[in-house]
N, C-alpha and C. Protein backbone atom coordinates (compact mmCIF):
# COMPACT_ATOMS: atom_id res chain seq x y z
N MET A 1 -4.59 -25.71 33.29
CA MET A 1 -3.29 -25.15 32.94
C MET A 1 -3.50 -23.87 32.14
N PRO A 2 -2.75 -22.81 32.42
CA PRO A 2 -2.92 -21.55 31.71
C PRO A 2 -2.50 -21.57 30.24
N LYS A 3 -1.66 -22.55 29.84
CA LYS A 3 -1.24 -22.60 28.45
C LYS A 3 -2.43 -22.90 27.55
N ILE A 4 -2.56 -22.11 26.48
CA ILE A 4 -3.66 -22.29 25.53
C ILE A 4 -3.14 -23.08 24.33
N ASP A 5 -3.82 -24.15 24.00
CA ASP A 5 -3.46 -24.97 22.84
C ASP A 5 -4.07 -24.32 21.60
N MET A 6 -3.24 -23.63 20.83
CA MET A 6 -3.71 -22.88 19.65
C MET A 6 -4.45 -23.77 18.65
N ASP A 7 -4.08 -25.04 18.57
CA ASP A 7 -4.74 -25.94 17.63
C ASP A 7 -6.18 -26.24 18.03
N ARG A 8 -6.51 -26.00 19.30
CA ARG A 8 -7.86 -26.29 19.79
C ARG A 8 -8.75 -25.05 19.84
N VAL A 9 -8.18 -23.88 19.58
CA VAL A 9 -8.97 -22.64 19.59
C VAL A 9 -9.70 -22.54 18.25
N PRO A 10 -11.04 -22.46 18.27
CA PRO A 10 -11.79 -22.40 17.01
C PRO A 10 -11.34 -21.23 16.14
N LYS A 11 -11.34 -21.48 14.83
CA LYS A 11 -11.04 -20.44 13.84
C LYS A 11 -12.38 -20.00 13.24
N ARG A 12 -12.68 -18.73 13.43
CA ARG A 12 -13.95 -18.19 12.94
C ARG A 12 -13.69 -17.32 11.73
N GLN A 13 -14.25 -17.72 10.60
CA GLN A 13 -14.06 -16.97 9.37
C GLN A 13 -15.20 -16.00 9.15
N GLY A 14 -14.88 -14.82 8.63
CA GLY A 14 -15.88 -13.82 8.30
C GLY A 14 -16.19 -12.93 9.49
N SER A 15 -17.34 -12.27 9.40
CA SER A 15 -17.77 -11.34 10.44
C SER A 15 -19.23 -11.60 10.75
N GLY A 16 -19.75 -10.93 11.75
CA GLY A 16 -21.17 -11.03 12.08
C GLY A 16 -21.98 -9.89 11.49
N TYR A 17 -21.38 -9.12 10.58
CA TYR A 17 -22.09 -7.99 9.99
C TYR A 17 -23.31 -8.44 9.19
N PRO A 18 -24.31 -7.57 9.06
CA PRO A 18 -25.40 -7.86 8.13
C PRO A 18 -24.82 -8.12 6.73
N PRO A 19 -25.48 -8.95 5.93
CA PRO A 19 -24.92 -9.37 4.63
C PRO A 19 -24.43 -8.23 3.73
N GLU A 20 -25.12 -7.11 3.74
CA GLU A 20 -24.72 -6.01 2.85
C GLU A 20 -23.39 -5.37 3.24
N PHE A 21 -22.87 -5.68 4.44
CA PHE A 21 -21.60 -5.10 4.89
C PHE A 21 -20.53 -6.16 5.15
N ALA A 22 -20.81 -7.41 4.89
CA ALA A 22 -19.92 -8.51 5.29
C ALA A 22 -18.81 -8.82 4.29
N ALA A 23 -18.98 -8.54 3.01
CA ALA A 23 -18.04 -8.99 1.97
C ALA A 23 -16.59 -8.57 2.20
N PRO A 24 -16.27 -7.32 2.61
CA PRO A 24 -14.86 -6.95 2.76
C PRO A 24 -14.12 -7.75 3.84
N CYS A 25 -14.87 -8.38 4.75
CA CYS A 25 -14.26 -9.13 5.86
C CYS A 25 -14.51 -10.63 5.75
N ALA A 26 -14.99 -11.07 4.60
CA ALA A 26 -15.48 -12.45 4.46
C ALA A 26 -14.43 -13.53 4.70
N ASP A 27 -13.17 -13.25 4.40
CA ASP A 27 -12.15 -14.28 4.50
C ASP A 27 -11.23 -14.13 5.71
N ARG A 28 -11.46 -13.13 6.52
CA ARG A 28 -10.62 -12.97 7.71
C ARG A 28 -10.87 -14.14 8.66
N ILE A 29 -9.85 -14.50 9.41
CA ILE A 29 -9.97 -15.63 10.34
C ILE A 29 -9.50 -15.17 11.72
N ARG A 30 -10.39 -15.29 12.70
CA ARG A 30 -10.10 -14.85 14.07
C ARG A 30 -10.11 -16.05 15.00
N GLN A 31 -9.12 -16.07 15.90
CA GLN A 31 -9.10 -17.04 17.00
C GLN A 31 -9.19 -16.24 18.29
N ARG A 32 -10.19 -16.52 19.09
CA ARG A 32 -10.43 -15.79 20.34
C ARG A 32 -9.64 -16.44 21.49
N LEU A 33 -8.41 -15.99 21.65
CA LEU A 33 -7.53 -16.56 22.65
C LEU A 33 -7.98 -16.24 24.07
N GLY A 34 -8.47 -15.02 24.28
CA GLY A 34 -8.94 -14.64 25.61
C GLY A 34 -10.10 -15.53 26.05
N ASP A 35 -11.03 -15.79 25.14
CA ASP A 35 -12.14 -16.68 25.46
C ASP A 35 -11.63 -18.08 25.80
N ALA A 36 -10.69 -18.56 25.00
CA ALA A 36 -10.14 -19.90 25.23
C ALA A 36 -9.47 -20.00 26.60
N GLY A 37 -8.92 -18.88 27.07
CA GLY A 37 -8.25 -18.87 28.37
C GLY A 37 -9.16 -18.47 29.52
N GLY A 38 -10.44 -18.22 29.22
CA GLY A 38 -11.39 -17.88 30.27
C GLY A 38 -11.35 -16.42 30.72
N LEU A 39 -10.72 -15.54 29.94
CA LEU A 39 -10.65 -14.12 30.31
C LEU A 39 -12.02 -13.45 30.14
N THR A 40 -12.35 -12.57 31.05
CA THR A 40 -13.63 -11.86 30.97
C THR A 40 -13.49 -10.34 30.96
N GLN A 41 -12.37 -9.80 31.41
CA GLN A 41 -12.18 -8.35 31.51
C GLN A 41 -11.75 -7.73 30.18
N TYR A 42 -11.04 -8.51 29.36
CA TYR A 42 -10.59 -8.01 28.06
C TYR A 42 -10.48 -9.18 27.10
N GLY A 43 -10.51 -8.86 25.82
CA GLY A 43 -10.38 -9.87 24.79
C GLY A 43 -9.01 -9.84 24.16
N VAL A 44 -8.53 -11.01 23.75
CA VAL A 44 -7.27 -11.14 23.04
C VAL A 44 -7.53 -12.09 21.87
N ASN A 45 -7.24 -11.62 20.67
CA ASN A 45 -7.49 -12.41 19.48
C ASN A 45 -6.27 -12.42 18.58
N ILE A 46 -6.13 -13.50 17.82
CA ILE A 46 -5.20 -13.54 16.69
C ILE A 46 -6.07 -13.43 15.45
N MET A 47 -5.72 -12.50 14.57
CA MET A 47 -6.47 -12.31 13.32
C MET A 47 -5.54 -12.57 12.14
N ARG A 48 -6.02 -13.40 11.23
CA ARG A 48 -5.32 -13.63 9.96
C ARG A 48 -6.13 -12.91 8.89
N LEU A 49 -5.48 -11.97 8.21
CA LEU A 49 -6.15 -11.14 7.23
C LEU A 49 -5.55 -11.42 5.85
N PRO A 50 -6.28 -12.16 5.01
CA PRO A 50 -5.77 -12.46 3.67
C PRO A 50 -5.72 -11.21 2.80
N PRO A 51 -4.96 -11.27 1.71
CA PRO A 51 -4.88 -10.13 0.80
C PRO A 51 -6.28 -9.67 0.37
N GLY A 52 -6.46 -8.36 0.36
CA GLY A 52 -7.72 -7.76 -0.06
C GLY A 52 -8.77 -7.64 1.02
N ASN A 53 -8.57 -8.27 2.16
CA ASN A 53 -9.58 -8.25 3.22
C ASN A 53 -9.39 -7.08 4.17
N TRP A 54 -10.49 -6.70 4.79
CA TRP A 54 -10.52 -5.67 5.82
C TRP A 54 -10.59 -6.34 7.18
N SER A 55 -10.06 -5.67 8.20
CA SER A 55 -10.18 -6.17 9.57
C SER A 55 -11.63 -6.06 10.05
N SER A 56 -12.30 -5.01 9.61
CA SER A 56 -13.67 -4.70 10.05
C SER A 56 -14.18 -3.56 9.17
N GLN A 57 -15.41 -3.19 9.38
CA GLN A 57 -15.87 -1.91 8.86
C GLN A 57 -15.17 -0.84 9.70
N ARG A 58 -14.98 0.34 9.13
CA ARG A 58 -14.31 1.41 9.88
C ARG A 58 -15.23 1.82 11.03
N HIS A 59 -14.70 1.79 12.27
CA HIS A 59 -15.53 1.94 13.46
C HIS A 59 -14.77 2.58 14.61
N TRP A 60 -15.51 2.92 15.65
CA TRP A 60 -14.93 3.37 16.92
C TRP A 60 -15.84 2.89 18.04
N HIS A 61 -15.28 2.84 19.26
CA HIS A 61 -16.00 2.33 20.43
C HIS A 61 -16.23 3.44 21.45
N SER A 62 -17.39 3.42 22.08
CA SER A 62 -17.72 4.42 23.09
C SER A 62 -17.01 4.16 24.42
N HIS A 63 -16.86 2.89 24.82
CA HIS A 63 -16.35 2.54 26.14
C HIS A 63 -15.18 1.56 26.13
N GLU A 64 -14.68 1.20 24.97
CA GLU A 64 -13.63 0.19 24.90
C GLU A 64 -12.38 0.73 24.22
N ASP A 65 -11.23 0.47 24.82
CA ASP A 65 -9.95 0.71 24.19
C ASP A 65 -9.60 -0.51 23.34
N GLU A 66 -8.83 -0.26 22.27
CA GLU A 66 -8.37 -1.35 21.41
C GLU A 66 -6.87 -1.17 21.14
N PHE A 67 -6.21 -2.30 20.85
CA PHE A 67 -4.79 -2.29 20.56
C PHE A 67 -4.53 -3.39 19.53
N ALA A 68 -3.65 -3.11 18.56
CA ALA A 68 -3.28 -4.11 17.55
C ALA A 68 -1.76 -4.13 17.41
N PHE A 69 -1.19 -5.34 17.36
CA PHE A 69 0.25 -5.53 17.17
C PHE A 69 0.43 -6.45 15.97
N ILE A 70 1.12 -5.97 14.96
CA ILE A 70 1.29 -6.74 13.73
C ILE A 70 2.40 -7.77 13.94
N LEU A 71 2.06 -9.04 13.74
CA LEU A 71 3.00 -10.14 13.92
C LEU A 71 3.67 -10.55 12.61
N GLU A 72 2.90 -10.56 11.52
CA GLU A 72 3.41 -10.97 10.21
C GLU A 72 2.78 -10.10 9.14
N GLY A 73 3.54 -9.79 8.11
CA GLY A 73 3.00 -9.07 6.97
C GLY A 73 2.85 -7.58 7.23
N GLU A 74 1.90 -6.98 6.50
CA GLU A 74 1.64 -5.56 6.63
C GLU A 74 0.19 -5.25 6.33
N VAL A 75 -0.29 -4.19 6.94
CA VAL A 75 -1.66 -3.71 6.72
C VAL A 75 -1.63 -2.19 6.59
N VAL A 76 -2.67 -1.65 6.01
CA VAL A 76 -2.85 -0.21 5.94
C VAL A 76 -3.92 0.16 6.97
N LEU A 77 -3.55 0.98 7.93
CA LEU A 77 -4.48 1.49 8.92
C LEU A 77 -5.18 2.70 8.31
N VAL A 78 -6.51 2.68 8.29
CA VAL A 78 -7.30 3.77 7.74
C VAL A 78 -8.06 4.42 8.89
N GLU A 79 -7.86 5.74 9.05
CA GLU A 79 -8.52 6.52 10.09
C GLU A 79 -9.08 7.79 9.46
N ASP A 80 -9.70 8.62 10.27
CA ASP A 80 -10.24 9.88 9.78
C ASP A 80 -9.16 10.75 9.13
N ASP A 81 -7.93 10.72 9.67
CA ASP A 81 -6.86 11.58 9.18
C ASP A 81 -6.08 11.00 8.01
N GLY A 82 -6.44 9.81 7.54
CA GLY A 82 -5.75 9.23 6.40
C GLY A 82 -5.29 7.81 6.64
N GLU A 83 -4.21 7.43 5.94
CA GLU A 83 -3.72 6.06 5.96
C GLU A 83 -2.29 5.99 6.49
N THR A 84 -1.99 4.89 7.21
CA THR A 84 -0.66 4.64 7.77
C THR A 84 -0.33 3.17 7.56
N MET A 85 0.85 2.89 7.03
CA MET A 85 1.30 1.51 6.86
C MET A 85 1.77 0.98 8.21
N LEU A 86 1.35 -0.23 8.56
CA LEU A 86 1.81 -0.94 9.75
C LEU A 86 2.43 -2.25 9.29
N ARG A 87 3.67 -2.49 9.70
CA ARG A 87 4.38 -3.71 9.33
C ARG A 87 4.67 -4.54 10.58
N ALA A 88 5.10 -5.78 10.36
CA ALA A 88 5.43 -6.68 11.48
C ALA A 88 6.33 -5.97 12.48
N GLY A 89 5.96 -6.06 13.76
CA GLY A 89 6.70 -5.42 14.83
C GLY A 89 6.17 -4.05 15.18
N GLU A 90 5.18 -3.54 14.44
CA GLU A 90 4.60 -2.23 14.74
C GLU A 90 3.21 -2.41 15.33
N CYS A 91 2.72 -1.36 15.98
CA CYS A 91 1.44 -1.48 16.66
C CYS A 91 0.67 -0.17 16.59
N ALA A 92 -0.59 -0.24 16.96
CA ALA A 92 -1.46 0.94 17.00
C ALA A 92 -2.42 0.80 18.18
N ALA A 93 -2.79 1.93 18.77
CA ALA A 93 -3.72 1.95 19.90
C ALA A 93 -4.89 2.86 19.55
N PHE A 94 -6.08 2.47 20.01
CA PHE A 94 -7.31 3.18 19.71
C PHE A 94 -8.06 3.44 21.01
N PRO A 95 -7.87 4.61 21.61
CA PRO A 95 -8.58 4.93 22.85
C PRO A 95 -10.09 5.01 22.62
N LYS A 96 -10.83 4.72 23.67
CA LYS A 96 -12.29 4.76 23.60
C LYS A 96 -12.81 6.17 23.34
N ASN A 97 -13.97 6.23 22.74
CA ASN A 97 -14.78 7.43 22.59
C ASN A 97 -14.11 8.60 21.87
N THR A 98 -13.23 8.30 20.92
CA THR A 98 -12.59 9.39 20.16
C THR A 98 -13.46 9.84 18.98
N GLY A 99 -14.32 8.94 18.51
CA GLY A 99 -15.09 9.23 17.30
C GLY A 99 -14.27 9.06 16.03
N ASN A 100 -13.01 8.62 16.17
CA ASN A 100 -12.12 8.42 15.03
C ASN A 100 -12.28 6.99 14.53
N GLY A 101 -13.04 6.82 13.48
CA GLY A 101 -13.24 5.48 12.92
C GLY A 101 -11.95 4.93 12.36
N HIS A 102 -11.72 3.64 12.57
CA HIS A 102 -10.50 2.99 12.12
C HIS A 102 -10.78 1.57 11.66
N HIS A 103 -9.95 1.09 10.76
CA HIS A 103 -9.87 -0.32 10.39
C HIS A 103 -8.58 -0.53 9.64
N MET A 104 -8.26 -1.79 9.37
CA MET A 104 -7.04 -2.12 8.65
C MET A 104 -7.41 -2.91 7.40
N ILE A 105 -6.65 -2.67 6.34
CA ILE A 105 -6.85 -3.34 5.07
C ILE A 105 -5.54 -3.99 4.66
N ASN A 106 -5.62 -5.24 4.19
CA ASN A 106 -4.43 -5.90 3.68
C ASN A 106 -4.39 -5.68 2.17
N ARG A 107 -3.54 -4.77 1.73
CA ARG A 107 -3.37 -4.47 0.30
C ARG A 107 -2.16 -5.19 -0.29
N SER A 108 -1.53 -6.05 0.49
CA SER A 108 -0.35 -6.78 0.02
C SER A 108 -0.77 -8.07 -0.68
N ASN A 109 0.22 -8.85 -1.09
CA ASN A 109 -0.05 -10.14 -1.74
C ASN A 109 0.12 -11.33 -0.80
N ALA A 110 0.29 -11.06 0.50
CA ALA A 110 0.50 -12.13 1.49
C ALA A 110 -0.41 -11.89 2.69
N ASP A 111 -0.70 -12.96 3.41
CA ASP A 111 -1.50 -12.83 4.63
C ASP A 111 -0.80 -11.90 5.63
N ALA A 112 -1.61 -11.18 6.37
CA ALA A 112 -1.12 -10.42 7.53
C ALA A 112 -1.70 -11.09 8.77
N VAL A 113 -0.93 -11.14 9.84
CA VAL A 113 -1.38 -11.72 11.10
C VAL A 113 -1.11 -10.70 12.19
N TYR A 114 -2.12 -10.46 13.03
CA TYR A 114 -1.92 -9.50 14.11
C TYR A 114 -2.68 -9.92 15.35
N LEU A 115 -2.21 -9.38 16.47
CA LEU A 115 -2.82 -9.60 17.77
C LEU A 115 -3.76 -8.43 18.05
N GLU A 116 -4.97 -8.72 18.45
CA GLU A 116 -5.94 -7.70 18.85
C GLU A 116 -6.18 -7.82 20.35
N VAL A 117 -6.21 -6.70 21.03
CA VAL A 117 -6.53 -6.68 22.45
C VAL A 117 -7.55 -5.57 22.66
N GLY A 118 -8.60 -5.87 23.40
CA GLY A 118 -9.61 -4.84 23.67
C GLY A 118 -10.36 -5.12 24.94
N THR A 119 -10.79 -4.02 25.57
CA THR A 119 -11.58 -4.16 26.78
C THR A 119 -12.97 -4.67 26.44
N ARG A 120 -13.68 -5.14 27.44
CA ARG A 120 -15.03 -5.67 27.25
C ARG A 120 -15.97 -4.93 28.19
N HIS A 121 -16.41 -3.78 27.76
CA HIS A 121 -17.27 -2.97 28.61
C HIS A 121 -18.73 -3.23 28.26
N PRO A 122 -19.57 -3.54 29.24
CA PRO A 122 -20.97 -3.88 28.95
C PRO A 122 -21.77 -2.73 28.33
N ASP A 123 -21.34 -1.48 28.54
CA ASP A 123 -22.06 -0.33 27.99
C ASP A 123 -21.53 0.14 26.65
N ASP A 124 -20.58 -0.60 26.07
CA ASP A 124 -19.97 -0.14 24.83
C ASP A 124 -20.96 -0.11 23.67
N MET A 125 -20.78 0.90 22.82
CA MET A 125 -21.49 1.02 21.55
C MET A 125 -20.44 1.11 20.46
N THR A 126 -20.50 0.21 19.49
CA THR A 126 -19.64 0.27 18.32
C THR A 126 -20.39 1.04 17.25
N THR A 127 -19.76 2.08 16.74
CA THR A 127 -20.37 2.91 15.70
C THR A 127 -19.50 2.86 14.46
N CYS A 128 -20.07 2.52 13.33
CA CYS A 128 -19.33 2.49 12.08
C CYS A 128 -19.32 3.89 11.48
N ALA A 129 -18.14 4.30 11.01
CA ALA A 129 -17.95 5.68 10.57
C ALA A 129 -18.53 5.96 9.19
N ASP A 130 -18.47 4.99 8.28
CA ASP A 130 -18.80 5.25 6.88
C ASP A 130 -20.13 4.68 6.42
N ILE A 131 -20.75 3.90 7.26
CA ILE A 131 -22.00 3.22 6.88
C ILE A 131 -23.03 3.37 8.01
N ASP A 132 -24.25 3.05 7.71
CA ASP A 132 -25.36 3.16 8.67
C ASP A 132 -25.43 1.89 9.52
N LEU A 133 -24.52 1.78 10.50
CA LEU A 133 -24.42 0.56 11.29
C LEU A 133 -23.83 0.86 12.66
N LYS A 134 -24.46 0.27 13.68
CA LYS A 134 -23.95 0.35 15.05
C LYS A 134 -24.43 -0.88 15.81
N SER A 135 -23.76 -1.17 16.94
CA SER A 135 -24.14 -2.31 17.77
C SER A 135 -23.73 -2.05 19.21
N ALA A 136 -24.58 -2.47 20.13
CA ALA A 136 -24.30 -2.33 21.56
C ALA A 136 -23.88 -3.68 22.13
N ASN A 137 -22.89 -3.68 23.02
CA ASN A 137 -22.49 -4.91 23.69
C ASN A 137 -23.64 -5.52 24.48
N ALA A 138 -24.55 -4.68 24.94
CA ALA A 138 -25.65 -5.15 25.78
C ALA A 138 -26.48 -6.24 25.09
N ASP A 139 -26.67 -6.11 23.75
CA ASP A 139 -27.47 -7.13 23.07
C ASP A 139 -26.81 -7.68 21.81
N GLY A 140 -25.74 -7.05 21.31
CA GLY A 140 -25.03 -7.55 20.14
C GLY A 140 -25.80 -7.43 18.83
N VAL A 141 -26.90 -6.71 18.83
CA VAL A 141 -27.73 -6.57 17.64
C VAL A 141 -27.18 -5.45 16.76
N TRP A 142 -27.04 -5.74 15.46
CA TRP A 142 -26.64 -4.70 14.52
C TRP A 142 -27.86 -3.88 14.16
N ARG A 143 -27.72 -2.57 14.29
CA ARG A 143 -28.82 -1.64 14.05
C ARG A 143 -28.40 -0.52 13.10
N HIS A 144 -29.41 0.08 12.48
CA HIS A 144 -29.20 1.34 11.78
C HIS A 144 -28.88 2.37 12.85
N LYS A 145 -28.29 3.48 12.47
CA LYS A 145 -27.93 4.50 13.44
C LYS A 145 -29.17 5.13 14.10
N ASP A 146 -30.34 4.97 13.48
CA ASP A 146 -31.58 5.47 14.13
C ASP A 146 -32.13 4.47 15.12
N GLY A 147 -31.46 3.30 15.31
CA GLY A 147 -31.87 2.30 16.29
C GLY A 147 -32.67 1.15 15.72
N THR A 148 -33.09 1.23 14.47
CA THR A 148 -33.87 0.16 13.85
C THR A 148 -32.95 -1.05 13.56
N PRO A 149 -33.35 -2.25 14.03
CA PRO A 149 -32.51 -3.42 13.78
C PRO A 149 -32.50 -3.80 12.30
N TYR A 150 -31.38 -4.37 11.85
CA TYR A 150 -31.31 -4.92 10.50
C TYR A 150 -32.13 -6.21 10.47
N PRO A 151 -32.69 -6.57 9.32
CA PRO A 151 -33.46 -7.82 9.22
C PRO A 151 -32.64 -9.01 9.70
N GLY A 152 -33.29 -9.90 10.41
CA GLY A 152 -32.64 -11.12 10.90
C GLY A 152 -31.87 -10.92 12.20
N GLN A 153 -31.91 -9.72 12.76
CA GLN A 153 -31.17 -9.46 14.01
C GLN A 153 -32.04 -9.69 15.22
């Protein structure tokens, strides 16, 4: 049946970042709805972002488009050009290969919940804008920008 039972979709807390970059995202909770439904061409996630948490490190993708729709609460979208408030019912799109690093921060006193949608391109490279971190979909290994893997990767 195509209906996804939300109660059965695992809730994954935190991020897969190396420890030195993980703290700002430590309490975020993601449910991978696309995976639960067997989707392979694109991902669909529900993200719960508690107060003070970041959606991710500020990043951009070489081959993947991203889209976020705010369902509850509010977040601050941070990009190269500054900050923009996004509230429930608003959305943002991030075309591939712009080099414009982005992420969202919950600076409010309540949880924010949003839908994430993104393509799944095998050649994608995620590059973090503010820190020495990148990862390729081909192997999922977090590396320094010079290509050296982080310890434990």
